[in-house]
Amino acid sequence: MATFLIHKPDDETQVIKLHKDHMTLGRRDDNDIVIDDVFVSRFHIEIERKGNKYIVKDRKSRYGTFVNGDRVVEKQLSYGDEIQVGNTVITFVDEKTLDHIPERKTPSRRFGGGFDFAEKIESIKKQLSKGAAKKDVLRSLNELKTCIAQNQDKFSEAEKSKEIASTLCEVGKIINFVFDLNVLLNLLMDLALKILQARRGFIILYDKVSKDLKVKVARNMGGELEPSTTTGISQTIAWETYKTGQVIATEDAMSDERFRAQESVINYAIGAVICAPLVAKEKGRIGAIYLDNPVTQRHFDQGDIEFMISFANQAAIAIENAQLYEKIKKEEKIRDRLQRFFSPTVVEKIMAAEEGMALVGEVRIATILFCDIRGYTSLAEKIDTLVAVEILNDFLSNMTDIVFIHEGTLDKYIGDCVMAIFGAPVAHDDDPLRAVKAALDMKRRVIDLREAWRQKMEIAEVEAFEIGIGIHTGEVIAGNIGNINRMEYTVVSRAVNLASRLENTALPGQILISKSTYELTRDFVKARKLPPVQMKNISRPVEIYEVIGMKCQKPNDE
C-alpha cells in the first residue's frame, strides 16, 4: 500500500497509509492528515488515487507545495518522491519495500557551567544519611535551587536563540528558493510576527514614482489588513527608520515624547514598537519592517532588537533578489514579444534605452514594404493542404529573416502577405535603401525556395510561385495601437495605403517603388520609370518605378 513517511522537525517519523481514494492534508483537525506547522495552510494538499496512480494537488496554499524541490500545482507521484509542505518533509513510499521505519534522533541537551547535578544530589543524600546539620543540608539545597534557576534562565535563552537561529535559517532558504515577491513578503511577515510575538506587523517599501512609503503586507492579530492603506501605522517612526537606516524601538510609544502626540499612537493604543530598516546591497534603503504591540502586551527586549537587525538584513537581500527576478522575467516577456516584430539588433537597442524606448504614437518618416505571393490560392488548390501550409510558413519565415537582416520591423502577416517597416521604431539614415535591398533579397530567396521545394516535395507547380512587392516612403503615425487587451506596434497613414496599392499593382516578380522612395535611393538603385497609374481611392495618377537592381554598394555599407 502507498504510504507517507512524514518527517516532522525534532520529532519521530510518522507513518500514514494512504488507505482511501481521496485524502486531504493540512493544519485543520478535520483533514485526514493533520500537520501542526505554521507554514502549512488549513487545507494544504489533497491526494487522489486513480487505479495505481497517486496524484497530489495543491489547494491554493499560501506557501506552496514542492515535489523533489519543484513547486507544483498538480503532479503524479512516484515512489521515492519527496513532498515538502511548510517545514514538513513527506516521503512517498511503497509499504512493501520498507525494511524499517527511519527515526529521527533528538540530540540530548546539557546545561550548566560545569555544575554536576548528579554529584550534588549524591552529596546531599550522603549528608542526610550521616545526619548532617539541618543548616548544612539547607545550604546545599539552596545551592542546588539557585543553580537550577540559573540553568532554567539559560535554557530559556538557549531555546530563544535556537528559535531565532531557526527563523534566520528559514530566511536563508527564502533567499535561495522564493522569488515570487508577494509570497516572499507574506512569508517574511509571518516569520517576524511568529518569533517576536507581535500583534501587528507591516512591511513597507519605498515607491520611487510616488516618492512615498507603501505598505505591501499588513497583519493584525493574525489576520490580514488592507495593504493599500497605512491606517494605524506610525508614519513618523517608519519614515525616521527609512531615512536614518537605524532601528527604532520604544517600550511604550504612548509615553515616549518622540511619538506620544501622534494620532495613530493614540487611536490604536500603541505600546511597544520596533521598526527596522530594509537595506539592500545594491539599492541601499528600500523600506522597513514595522511591528507593534498594545500597551497591555509584551515589550520588545534587547534580544528582539538584535534579532530584528539580522532578520531585516536578510529580508532586504531576499526582497532585492525577488525584485530583480521579477524585473528579469518582465524583461524576458517584453523581449519575447519584441522579437516577434523586430530584429535582434533593434530589440537590443529598445531594451538598452535608458528609460526604455517608448513605443507610443509618434509622427515620423518611414518606408513601408508589402510583399505578397502571386497565385498562392491557385497553388494551394492543386497540392495537399498540409504541404501548402508548410510552403507558406517557410516563405513567411524566410521573408521575415530578410527584414530582420536589414534591421526592419515586421509589422504583420496579412494572409500570404508580409508588411514591414523601415524607420520605426529605430530609424537609420538609409531606411529607404534598406527596404529596396530587402526587396531584392526577397526576390532572390524566392528562387532558392522554389528549387528547394521542388526537390524536397517533388511538386512541379511551385515553379509558378512568384511574389510582387510595393515600397513607399512617407509620413506615418507609429506606435502601440489597439485596446488594453491587445496592443500591437504598427504604423498608420495614407503612406501605408499607397505602399499597399503599389504591391497590388506589381506583376509577378516585380518590385514597384514610389517617386519619394526613388528620389531617396536613385544614386544606388537601378530603376526604370513606368507610366503613372491610377490607384483606388487616390485622386491623381501615381508615379511609379520598377526596381531592376543595384548600381553599386553604398560606401561603408555592411
Protein backbone atom coordinates (compact mmCIF):
# COMPACT_ATOMS: atom_id res chain seq x y z
CA MET A 1 0.00 0.00 0.00
CA ALA A 2 1.20 3.51 -0.80
CA THR A 3 2.46 5.21 2.36
CA PHE A 4 3.54 8.66 3.54
CA LEU A 5 6.57 8.93 5.82
CA ILE A 6 6.09 12.31 7.50
CA HIS A 7 9.33 13.75 8.86
CA LYS A 8 8.49 16.50 11.33
CA PRO A 9 11.24 18.78 12.67
CA ASP A 10 12.57 17.48 16.01
CA ASP A 11 10.10 14.59 16.03
CA GLU A 12 9.88 10.91 15.09
CA THR A 13 8.87 9.91 11.59
CA GLN A 14 5.11 9.34 11.30
CA VAL A 15 3.79 6.58 9.04
CA ILE A 16 0.46 7.22 7.28
CA LYS A 17 -1.04 4.64 4.91
CA LEU A 18 -2.99 6.10 2.00
CA HIS A 19 -5.98 3.79 2.51
CA LYS A 20 -8.63 5.99 0.81
CA ASP A 21 -9.09 7.12 -2.78
CA HIS A 22 -9.18 10.73 -1.65
CA MET A 23 -7.34 12.19 1.35
CA THR A 24 -6.61 15.73 2.50
CA LEU A 25 -3.65 17.16 4.41
CA GLY A 26 -3.47 20.44 6.26
CA ARG A 27 -3.34 22.24 9.58
CA ARG A 28 -7.05 21.92 10.47
CA ASP A 29 -8.24 18.99 12.57
CA ASP A 30 -10.82 17.84 10.01
CA ASN A 31 -8.12 16.81 7.50
CA ASP A 32 -7.29 13.13 7.02
CA ILE A 33 -3.66 14.01 7.78
CA VAL A 34 -3.12 16.85 10.25
CA ILE A 35 0.21 18.71 10.18
CA ASP A 36 0.94 21.10 13.04
CA ASP A 37 3.13 23.52 11.10
CA VAL A 38 2.56 27.28 10.96
CA PHE A 39 3.63 27.30 7.31
CA VAL A 40 1.09 24.64 6.32
CA SER A 41 -2.29 26.01 5.20
CA ARG A 42 -5.54 24.90 6.80
CA PHE A 43 -6.29 22.78 3.75
CA HIS A 44 -2.93 22.45 2.01
CA ILE A 45 -3.00 19.47 -0.38
CA GLU A 46 -5.21 16.60 -1.44
CA ILE A 47 -4.13 13.17 -2.62
CA GLU A 48 -6.21 11.25 -5.18
CA ARG A 49 -5.83 7.60 -6.12
CA LYS A 50 -6.76 6.70 -9.70
CA GLY A 51 -6.10 3.00 -10.18
CA ASN A 52 -2.42 2.54 -9.33
CA LYS A 53 -1.67 6.23 -9.72
CA TYR A 54 -1.45 8.74 -6.89
CA ILE A 55 -1.81 12.43 -7.68
CA VAL A 56 -1.01 15.28 -5.29
CA LYS A 57 -2.86 18.59 -5.78
CA ASP A 58 -2.08 21.91 -4.13
CA ARG A 59 -5.22 23.61 -2.75
CA LYS A 60 -4.09 27.21 -3.32
CA SER A 61 -1.85 27.09 -0.25
CA ARG A 62 -0.08 30.30 0.75
CA TYR A 63 3.46 28.91 0.72
CA GLY A 64 3.08 26.27 -1.95
CA THR A 65 3.72 22.56 -2.37
CA PHE A 66 7.07 21.22 -3.58
CA VAL A 67 7.85 17.80 -5.05
CA ASN A 68 11.56 17.00 -5.28
CA GLY A 69 12.30 20.71 -4.90
CA ASP A 70 9.96 21.93 -7.66
CA ARG A 71 6.81 23.89 -6.84
CA VAL A 72 3.76 22.09 -8.23
CA VAL A 73 0.03 22.62 -8.58
CA GLU A 74 -0.72 19.04 -9.54
CA LYS A 75 1.66 16.11 -10.04
CA GLN A 76 1.55 12.33 -10.30
CA LEU A 77 3.75 10.82 -7.61
CA SER A 78 6.40 8.13 -8.00
CA TYR A 79 7.75 6.05 -5.14
CA GLY A 80 10.69 7.81 -3.55
CA ASP A 81 9.37 11.32 -4.26
CA GLU A 82 9.83 13.90 -1.50
CA ILE A 83 6.95 16.31 -0.87
CA GLN A 84 7.56 19.46 1.17
CA VAL A 85 4.74 21.45 2.78
CA GLY A 86 5.95 24.20 5.08
CA ASN A 87 8.78 22.84 7.23
CA THR A 88 7.49 19.28 6.90
CA VAL A 89 9.03 16.76 4.50
CA ILE A 90 7.00 13.75 3.34
CA THR A 91 8.45 10.72 1.54
CA PHE A 92 6.08 8.78 -0.74
CA VAL A 93 6.94 5.06 -0.49
CA ASP A 94 5.54 1.59 -1.10
CA GLU A 95 4.91 -0.07 2.25
CA LYS A 96 6.09 -3.43 0.89
CA THR A 97 9.60 -2.13 0.23
CA LEU A 98 10.15 -0.76 3.74
CA ASP A 99 12.69 -2.75 5.72
CA HIS A 100 12.33 -0.42 8.69
CA ILE A 101 10.83 2.95 9.51
CA PRO A 102 13.59 5.55 9.94
CA GLU A 103 13.53 7.51 13.16
CA ARG A 104 14.97 10.92 13.86
CA LYS A 105 17.05 11.14 16.98
CA THR A 106 16.67 14.17 19.18
CA PRO A 107 20.07 15.30 20.50
CA SER A 108 20.40 15.42 24.25
CA ARG A 109 20.94 18.77 25.92
CA ARG A 110 23.36 19.64 28.71
CA PHE A 111 23.08 22.82 30.79
CA GLY A 112 25.17 24.49 33.48
CA GLY A 113 28.66 25.89 33.57
CA GLY A 114 30.41 22.78 34.79
CA PHE A 115 27.92 22.18 37.65
CA ASP A 116 27.32 18.42 38.10
CA PHE A 117 23.72 17.94 39.28
CA ALA A 118 24.09 14.20 39.90
CA GLU A 119 27.18 14.75 42.04
CA LYS A 120 25.43 17.49 44.07
CA ILE A 121 22.37 15.33 44.69
CA GLU A 122 24.55 12.42 45.82
CA SER A 123 26.35 14.80 48.15
CA ILE A 124 23.04 15.87 49.73
CA LYS A 125 21.97 12.25 50.12
CA LYS A 126 25.21 11.48 51.96
CA GLN A 127 24.67 14.49 54.22
CA LEU A 128 21.22 13.21 55.13
CA SER A 129 22.42 9.65 55.69
CA LYS A 130 25.17 10.87 58.01
CA GLY A 131 22.80 13.11 59.95
CA ALA A 132 24.39 16.35 58.88
CA ALA A 133 23.21 19.55 60.46
CA LYS A 134 19.97 20.95 59.09
CA LYS A 135 21.60 24.25 58.15
CA ASP A 136 24.28 22.44 56.08
CA VAL A 137 21.61 20.45 54.21
CA LEU A 138 19.57 23.59 53.60
CA ARG A 139 22.66 25.39 52.31
CA SER A 140 23.29 22.57 49.83
CA LEU A 141 19.65 22.57 48.78
CA ASN A 142 19.73 26.33 48.26
CA GLU A 143 22.85 25.98 46.12
CA LEU A 144 21.08 23.33 44.05
CA LYS A 145 17.95 25.50 43.77
CA THR A 146 20.00 28.55 42.69
CA CYS A 147 21.83 26.52 40.05
CA ILE A 148 18.55 25.08 38.72
CA ALA A 149 17.08 28.58 38.45
CA GLN A 150 20.18 29.84 36.64
CA ASN A 151 20.05 26.94 34.24
CA GLN A 152 16.36 27.50 33.63
CA ASP A 153 17.22 31.02 32.50
CA LYS A 154 20.00 29.65 30.33
CA PHE A 155 17.59 27.05 28.96
CA SER A 156 15.08 29.78 28.05
CA GLU A 157 17.80 31.84 26.42
CA ALA A 158 19.05 28.78 24.54
CA GLU A 159 15.54 27.95 23.35
CA LYS A 160 15.04 31.53 22.19
CA SER A 161 18.44 31.54 20.47
CA LYS A 162 17.55 28.28 18.81
CA GLU A 163 14.23 29.69 17.58
CA ILE A 164 15.94 32.83 16.30
CA ALA A 165 18.61 30.77 14.55
CA SER A 166 15.92 28.54 13.08
CA THR A 167 13.96 31.55 11.83
CA LEU A 168 17.07 33.14 10.31
CA CYS A 169 17.78 29.80 8.67
CA GLU A 170 14.30 29.92 7.14
CA VAL A 171 15.08 33.39 5.81
CA GLY A 172 18.22 31.93 4.24
CA LYS A 173 16.09 29.34 2.47
CA ILE A 174 13.78 32.09 1.27
CA ILE A 175 16.70 33.95 -0.31
CA ASN A 176 17.55 30.88 -2.37
CA PHE A 177 14.14 29.50 -3.28
CA VAL A 178 11.33 32.10 -3.10
CA PHE A 179 11.24 34.55 -6.00
CA ASP A 180 7.56 35.47 -6.06
CA LEU A 181 7.64 38.88 -4.36
CA ASN A 182 4.10 38.67 -2.96
CA VAL A 183 4.69 35.21 -1.47
CA LEU A 184 8.06 36.33 -0.12
CA LEU A 185 6.70 39.42 1.65
CA ASN A 186 3.89 37.44 3.28
CA LEU A 187 6.31 34.77 4.44
CA LEU A 188 8.73 37.33 5.88
CA MET A 189 5.86 38.98 7.75
CA ASP A 190 4.72 35.66 9.21
CA LEU A 191 8.26 34.83 10.34
CA ALA A 192 8.73 38.22 12.07
CA LEU A 193 5.36 38.05 13.86
CA LYS A 194 5.94 34.48 14.96
CA ILE A 195 9.34 34.98 16.53
CA LEU A 196 8.65 38.38 18.13
CA GLN A 197 5.04 37.61 19.16
CA ALA A 198 3.79 40.95 17.89
CA ARG A 199 0.13 41.90 17.48
CA ARG A 200 0.57 43.83 14.25
CA GLY A 201 3.13 43.89 11.50
CA PHE A 202 3.78 45.84 8.32
CA ILE A 203 6.33 45.58 5.52
CA ILE A 204 6.76 48.97 3.87
CA LEU A 205 8.66 49.60 0.64
CA TYR A 206 9.69 52.91 -0.88
CA ASP A 207 7.96 53.78 -4.16
CA LYS A 208 10.20 55.83 -6.46
CA VAL A 209 7.28 57.04 -8.56
CA SER A 210 5.15 58.48 -5.75
CA LYS A 211 8.21 59.10 -3.54
CA ASP A 212 6.29 57.64 -0.63
CA LEU A 213 6.39 54.60 1.65
CA LYS A 214 3.84 52.00 0.56
CA VAL A 215 2.52 49.24 2.82
CA LYS A 216 2.90 45.96 0.91
CA VAL A 217 1.89 43.49 3.62
CA ALA A 218 -0.16 44.15 6.76
CA ARG A 219 -1.19 41.85 9.60
CA ASN A 220 -3.40 42.43 12.64
CA MET A 221 -3.92 39.78 15.33
CA GLY A 222 -3.13 37.01 12.84
CA GLY A 223 -5.47 38.40 10.20
CA GLU A 224 -4.72 40.39 7.08
CA LEU A 225 -5.15 44.14 6.80
CA GLU A 226 -5.64 46.01 3.55
CA PRO A 227 -2.07 46.71 2.30
CA SER A 228 -3.16 49.74 0.28
CA THR A 229 -3.69 51.77 3.43
CA THR A 230 -1.28 52.89 6.14
CA THR A 231 -4.07 53.29 8.71
CA GLY A 232 -2.77 52.63 12.20
CA ILE A 233 0.91 52.69 11.39
CA SER A 234 3.16 55.33 12.88
CA GLN A 235 4.36 57.21 9.79
CA THR A 236 6.86 59.18 11.88
CA ILE A 237 8.58 56.01 13.09
CA ALA A 238 8.50 54.41 9.63
CA TRP A 239 9.95 57.47 7.89
CA GLU A 240 12.57 58.05 10.58
CA THR A 241 13.73 54.44 10.27
CA TYR A 242 13.85 54.64 6.48
CA LYS A 243 15.72 57.96 6.39
CA THR A 244 18.30 57.17 9.09
CA GLY A 245 18.76 53.48 8.32
CA GLN A 246 18.65 52.80 12.08
CA VAL A 247 16.41 50.55 14.18
CA ILE A 248 13.87 52.47 16.23
CA ALA A 249 12.41 50.80 19.32
CA THR A 250 10.31 52.04 22.20
CA GLU A 251 8.78 50.19 25.15
CA ASP A 252 5.74 52.48 25.28
CA ALA A 253 5.02 54.83 22.38
CA MET A 254 2.16 56.45 24.34
CA SER A 255 4.59 57.76 26.95
CA ASP A 256 7.55 58.31 24.61
CA GLU A 257 7.99 62.04 23.97
CA ARG A 258 9.03 61.32 20.38
CA PHE A 259 5.76 59.65 19.40
CA ARG A 260 3.02 60.09 22.02
CA ALA A 261 1.39 63.02 20.20
CA GLN A 262 0.84 61.02 17.01
CA GLU A 263 -2.78 60.29 16.14
CA SER A 264 -2.08 56.65 15.24
CA VAL A 265 -0.33 56.03 18.58
CA ILE A 266 -3.32 57.42 20.47
CA ASN A 267 -6.08 55.80 18.38
CA TYR A 268 -4.52 52.34 18.37
CA ALA A 269 -3.11 52.47 21.91
CA ILE A 270 0.31 51.54 20.57
CA GLY A 271 2.71 50.46 23.26
CA ALA A 272 5.88 48.65 22.23
CA VAL A 273 7.22 49.39 18.75
CA ILE A 274 10.18 48.03 16.85
CA CYS A 275 10.96 49.20 13.32
CA ALA A 276 13.99 48.04 11.35
CA PRO A 277 15.23 49.41 8.01
CA LEU A 278 15.47 47.23 4.93
CA VAL A 279 18.85 47.99 3.39
CA ALA A 280 19.66 46.16 0.15
CA LYS A 281 23.15 45.54 -1.13
CA GLU A 282 22.71 47.28 -4.49
CA LYS A 283 19.77 49.67 -3.98
CA GLY A 284 20.53 50.80 -0.42
CA ARG A 285 17.47 51.64 1.72
CA ILE A 286 14.33 50.11 0.19
CA GLY A 287 11.85 50.20 3.10
CA ALA A 288 11.24 48.98 6.63
CA ILE A 289 9.67 46.24 8.76
CA TYR A 290 7.39 47.63 11.45
CA LEU A 291 5.96 45.65 14.43
CA ASP A 292 4.00 46.87 17.43
CA ASN A 293 2.03 45.68 20.46
CA PRO A 294 -0.62 47.47 22.53
CA VAL A 295 0.31 48.81 25.94
CA THR A 296 -1.15 45.73 27.66
CA GLN A 297 1.04 43.22 25.82
CA ARG A 298 4.72 42.29 25.92
CA HIS A 299 7.51 44.73 25.25
CA PHE A 300 10.42 44.11 22.91
CA ASP A 301 13.73 43.44 24.65
CA GLN A 302 17.34 43.80 23.52
CA GLY A 303 17.32 40.27 22.11
CA ASP A 304 14.33 41.19 19.94
CA ILE A 305 16.17 44.24 18.63
CA GLU A 306 19.27 42.20 17.80
CA PHE A 307 17.12 39.65 16.03
CA MET A 308 15.33 42.31 14.01
CA ILE A 309 18.63 43.75 12.79
CA SER A 310 19.78 40.36 11.47
CA PHE A 311 16.33 39.47 10.17
CA ALA A 312 15.90 42.78 8.31
CA ASN A 313 19.33 42.44 6.70
CA GLN A 314 18.50 39.02 5.31
CA ALA A 315 14.96 40.08 4.40
CA ALA A 316 16.33 43.01 2.37
CA ILE A 317 18.55 40.64 0.40
CA ALA A 318 15.58 38.33 -0.24
CA ILE A 319 13.38 41.23 -1.39
CA GLU A 320 16.09 42.64 -3.65
CA ASN A 321 16.58 39.20 -5.23
CA ALA A 322 12.83 38.79 -5.76
CA GLN A 323 12.54 42.27 -7.30
CA LEU A 324 15.47 41.55 -9.59
CA TYR A 325 13.90 38.23 -10.59
CA GLU A 326 10.58 39.96 -11.36
CA LYS A 327 12.41 42.59 -13.41
CA ILE A 328 14.24 39.91 -15.38
CA LYS A 329 11.01 37.97 -16.00
CA LYS A 330 9.27 41.15 -17.12
CA GLU A 331 12.14 41.99 -19.47
CA GLU A 332 12.06 38.44 -20.85
CA LYS A 333 8.36 38.80 -21.64
CA ILE A 334 8.97 42.16 -23.31
CA ARG A 335 11.94 40.75 -25.21
CA ASP A 336 9.95 37.71 -26.36
CA ARG A 337 7.18 39.98 -27.64
CA LEU A 338 9.58 42.37 -29.36
CA GLN A 339 11.44 39.52 -31.06
CA ARG A 340 8.26 38.65 -32.94
CA PHE A 341 8.38 42.01 -34.73
CA PHE A 342 11.91 43.40 -34.55
CA SER A 343 15.36 42.16 -35.48
CA PRO A 344 17.68 41.14 -32.62
CA THR A 345 19.71 44.32 -33.16
CA VAL A 346 16.62 46.53 -32.89
CA VAL A 347 15.43 44.60 -29.81
CA GLU A 348 18.75 45.25 -28.09
CA LYS A 349 18.51 48.97 -28.89
CA ILE A 350 14.99 49.13 -27.46
CA MET A 351 15.93 47.20 -24.30
CA ALA A 352 19.13 49.20 -23.77
CA ALA A 353 17.42 52.59 -23.98
CA GLU A 354 17.94 54.42 -20.69
CA GLU A 355 14.25 54.88 -19.93
CA GLY A 356 13.09 52.19 -22.34
CA MET A 357 12.12 53.21 -25.87
CA ALA A 358 8.53 54.39 -25.63
CA LEU A 359 6.51 52.63 -28.32
CA VAL A 360 3.81 55.28 -28.18
CA GLY A 361 2.16 57.13 -31.07
CA GLU A 362 4.52 59.49 -32.84
CA VAL A 363 4.76 61.09 -36.29
CA ARG A 364 7.83 60.11 -38.27
CA ILE A 365 9.10 59.34 -41.77
CA ALA A 366 9.25 55.64 -42.58
CA THR A 367 9.45 53.32 -45.56
CA ILE A 368 6.74 50.66 -45.84
CA LEU A 369 7.19 47.41 -47.75
CA PHE A 370 4.45 44.98 -48.80
CA CYS A 371 5.41 41.58 -50.22
CA ASP A 372 2.62 39.30 -51.47
CA ILE A 373 2.54 35.86 -53.14
CA ARG A 374 1.11 35.77 -56.64
CA GLY A 375 -1.24 32.86 -57.34
CA TYR A 376 -0.91 31.19 -53.94
CA THR A 377 -4.63 30.37 -53.73
CA SER A 378 -4.44 28.61 -57.09
CA LEU A 379 -1.32 26.73 -56.00
CA ALA A 380 -2.91 25.66 -52.70
CA GLU A 381 -5.86 24.15 -54.55
CA LYS A 382 -3.54 21.87 -56.57
CA ILE A 383 -1.47 20.42 -53.72
CA ASP A 384 -2.03 18.80 -50.33
CA THR A 385 -3.28 21.24 -47.66
CA LEU A 386 -0.51 20.40 -45.17
CA VAL A 387 2.12 20.87 -47.87
CA ALA A 388 0.57 24.23 -48.80
CA VAL A 389 0.76 25.33 -45.16
CA GLU A 390 4.38 24.20 -44.92
CA ILE A 391 5.26 26.20 -48.04
CA LEU A 392 3.51 29.31 -46.67
CA ASN A 393 5.23 29.06 -43.28
CA ASP A 394 8.61 28.54 -44.96
CA PHE A 395 8.01 31.59 -47.16
CA LEU A 396 6.91 33.87 -44.32
CA SER A 397 9.82 32.76 -42.15
CA ASN A 398 12.37 33.46 -44.87
CA MET A 399 10.89 36.85 -45.73
CA THR A 400 10.91 37.82 -42.04
CA ASP A 401 14.58 36.82 -41.76
CA ILE A 402 15.41 39.15 -44.63
CA VAL A 403 13.50 42.04 -43.00
CA PHE A 404 15.48 41.47 -39.79
CA ILE A 405 18.81 41.23 -41.64
CA HIS A 406 18.23 44.77 -42.91
CA GLU A 407 17.05 45.88 -39.41
CA GLY A 408 13.48 46.46 -40.43
CA THR A 409 10.38 45.82 -38.33
CA LEU A 410 7.89 43.06 -39.07
CA ASP A 411 4.54 44.80 -38.82
CA LYS A 412 2.25 41.87 -39.54
CA TYR A 413 1.29 38.98 -41.77
CA ILE A 414 -1.85 39.55 -43.82
CA GLY A 415 -2.66 36.09 -45.09
CA ASP A 416 0.22 35.36 -47.52
CA CYS A 417 1.41 38.98 -47.45
CA VAL A 418 4.27 40.40 -45.37
CA MET A 419 4.15 44.04 -44.20
CA ALA A 420 7.44 45.52 -42.98
CA ILE A 421 8.55 48.94 -41.75
CA PHE A 422 11.95 50.57 -42.15
CA GLY A 423 12.44 53.61 -39.92
CA ALA A 424 10.30 52.77 -36.89
CA PRO A 425 10.79 52.38 -34.01
CA VAL A 426 14.54 52.57 -34.79
CA ALA A 427 15.49 54.85 -37.68
CA HIS A 428 18.52 54.74 -39.98
CA ASP A 429 19.71 57.35 -42.46
CA ASP A 430 19.29 54.86 -45.28
CA ASP A 431 15.97 53.20 -44.41
CA PRO A 432 14.55 53.56 -47.97
CA LEU A 433 17.66 51.89 -49.37
CA ARG A 434 17.43 49.11 -46.77
CA ALA A 435 13.85 48.45 -47.87
CA VAL A 436 14.85 48.18 -51.55
CA LYS A 437 17.76 45.88 -50.71
CA ALA A 438 15.41 43.72 -48.67
CA ALA A 439 13.02 43.51 -51.63
CA LEU A 440 15.82 42.39 -53.98
CA ASP A 441 16.92 39.79 -51.43
CA MET A 442 13.32 38.55 -51.21
CA LYS A 443 13.23 38.01 -54.99
CA ARG A 444 16.48 36.04 -54.88
CA ARG A 445 15.34 34.00 -51.86
CA VAL A 446 12.10 33.00 -53.61
CA ILE A 447 14.16 31.50 -56.47
CA ASP A 448 16.11 29.41 -53.92
CA LEU A 449 12.91 28.40 -52.13
CA ARG A 450 11.24 27.24 -55.33
CA GLU A 451 14.18 24.97 -56.11
CA ALA A 452 14.26 23.60 -52.53
CA TRP A 453 10.51 22.91 -52.56
CA ARG A 454 10.68 21.27 -55.99
CA GLN A 455 13.43 18.88 -54.88
CA LYS A 456 12.08 18.19 -51.41
CA MET A 457 8.38 17.88 -52.20
CA GLU A 458 8.56 16.93 -55.88
CA ILE A 459 5.90 19.47 -56.79
CA ALA A 460 6.19 20.93 -60.25
CA GLU A 461 3.50 23.52 -59.52
CA VAL A 462 5.89 25.55 -57.31
CA GLU A 463 7.59 26.84 -60.46
CA ALA A 464 4.67 29.27 -60.77
CA PHE A 465 5.31 30.58 -57.23
CA GLU A 466 6.17 34.28 -57.50
CA ILE A 467 5.89 37.50 -55.47
CA GLY A 468 5.03 41.13 -56.03
CA ILE A 469 6.47 43.94 -53.88
CA GLY A 470 5.44 47.55 -53.29
CA ILE A 471 7.50 50.17 -51.40
CA HIS A 472 6.69 53.75 -50.43
CA THR A 473 8.33 56.34 -48.14
CA GLY A 474 6.22 58.88 -46.33
CA GLU A 475 4.90 60.30 -43.08
CA VAL A 476 3.29 57.80 -40.69
CA ILE A 477 1.94 57.60 -37.17
CA ALA A 478 3.89 54.82 -35.44
CA GLY A 479 3.25 53.25 -32.04
CA ASN A 480 1.34 50.70 -30.00
CA ILE A 481 -2.18 50.71 -31.38
CA GLY A 482 -5.16 48.67 -30.20
CA ASN A 483 -7.03 48.23 -26.94
CA ILE A 484 -5.95 47.27 -23.43
CA ASN A 485 -6.31 43.56 -24.17
CA ARG A 486 -4.40 43.57 -27.46
CA MET A 487 -1.77 46.16 -28.34
CA GLU A 488 0.46 45.86 -31.39
CA TYR A 489 3.21 48.10 -32.73
CA THR A 490 2.26 49.31 -36.22
CA VAL A 491 2.10 52.34 -38.50
CA VAL A 492 -0.97 54.01 -39.98
CA SER A 493 -1.35 56.74 -42.62
CA ARG A 494 -2.04 57.32 -46.28
CA ALA A 495 1.58 56.32 -46.90
CA VAL A 496 0.76 52.76 -45.77
CA ASN A 497 -2.22 52.64 -48.13
CA LEU A 498 -0.07 53.79 -51.06
CA ALA A 499 2.55 51.09 -50.39
CA SER A 500 -0.23 48.50 -50.35
CA ARG A 501 -1.63 49.83 -53.66
CA LEU A 502 1.83 49.58 -55.24
CA GLU A 503 2.09 45.94 -54.15
CA ASN A 504 -1.35 45.21 -55.65
CA THR A 505 -0.23 46.83 -58.93
CA ALA A 506 3.05 44.89 -59.16
CA LEU A 507 3.20 41.99 -61.60
CA PRO A 508 4.71 38.62 -60.56
CA GLY A 509 8.41 39.14 -59.85
CA GLN A 510 8.09 42.95 -59.95
CA ILE A 511 9.29 45.46 -57.34
CA LEU A 512 7.48 48.80 -57.60
CA ILE A 513 8.57 51.87 -55.64
CA SER A 514 7.01 55.32 -55.34
CA LYS A 515 8.63 58.55 -56.51
CA SER A 516 9.55 59.52 -52.93
CA THR A 517 11.41 56.23 -52.40
CA TYR A 518 13.10 56.52 -55.80
CA GLU A 519 14.32 60.06 -55.09
CA LEU A 520 15.94 58.84 -51.85
CA THR A 521 17.65 55.83 -53.47
CA ARG A 522 18.32 56.89 -57.09
CA ASP A 523 22.09 57.12 -56.58
CA PHE A 524 22.28 53.43 -55.69
CA VAL A 525 19.29 51.76 -57.34
CA LYS A 526 18.77 50.83 -60.96
CA ALA A 527 15.14 51.57 -61.78
CA ARG A 528 13.03 52.40 -64.81
CA LYS A 529 10.16 54.80 -64.78
CA LEU A 530 6.75 53.36 -65.66
CA PRO A 531 3.65 55.21 -66.84
CA PRO A 532 1.67 56.78 -63.98
CA VAL A 533 -1.02 54.53 -62.56
CA GLN A 534 -4.46 55.47 -61.31
CA MET A 535 -4.95 53.74 -57.96
CA LYS A 536 -8.03 53.10 -55.87
CA ASN A 537 -9.02 55.97 -53.53
CA ILE A 538 -6.14 58.14 -54.80
CA SER A 539 -7.30 61.16 -56.81
CA ARG A 540 -4.26 61.64 -59.07
CA PRO A 541 -2.24 59.08 -61.03
CA VAL A 542 0.82 57.87 -59.08
CA GLU A 543 4.34 58.00 -60.50
CA ILE A 544 5.96 54.59 -60.10
CA TYR A 545 9.35 53.00 -60.78
CA GLU A 546 10.33 49.36 -61.26
CA VAL A 547 13.50 48.31 -59.44
CA ILE A 548 15.90 46.39 -61.68
CA GLY A 549 18.86 46.04 -59.32
CA MET A 550 21.63 47.94 -57.56
CA LYS A 551 24.07 50.32 -59.24
CA CYS A 552 26.73 49.81 -56.60
CA GLN A 553 27.07 49.22 -52.88
CA LYS A 554 26.74 52.25 -50.68
CA PRO A 555 30.14 53.20 -49.21
CA ASN A 556 30.74 51.66 -45.77
CA ASP A 557 27.58 49.60 -46.17
CA GLU A 558 27.68 46.39 -44.21
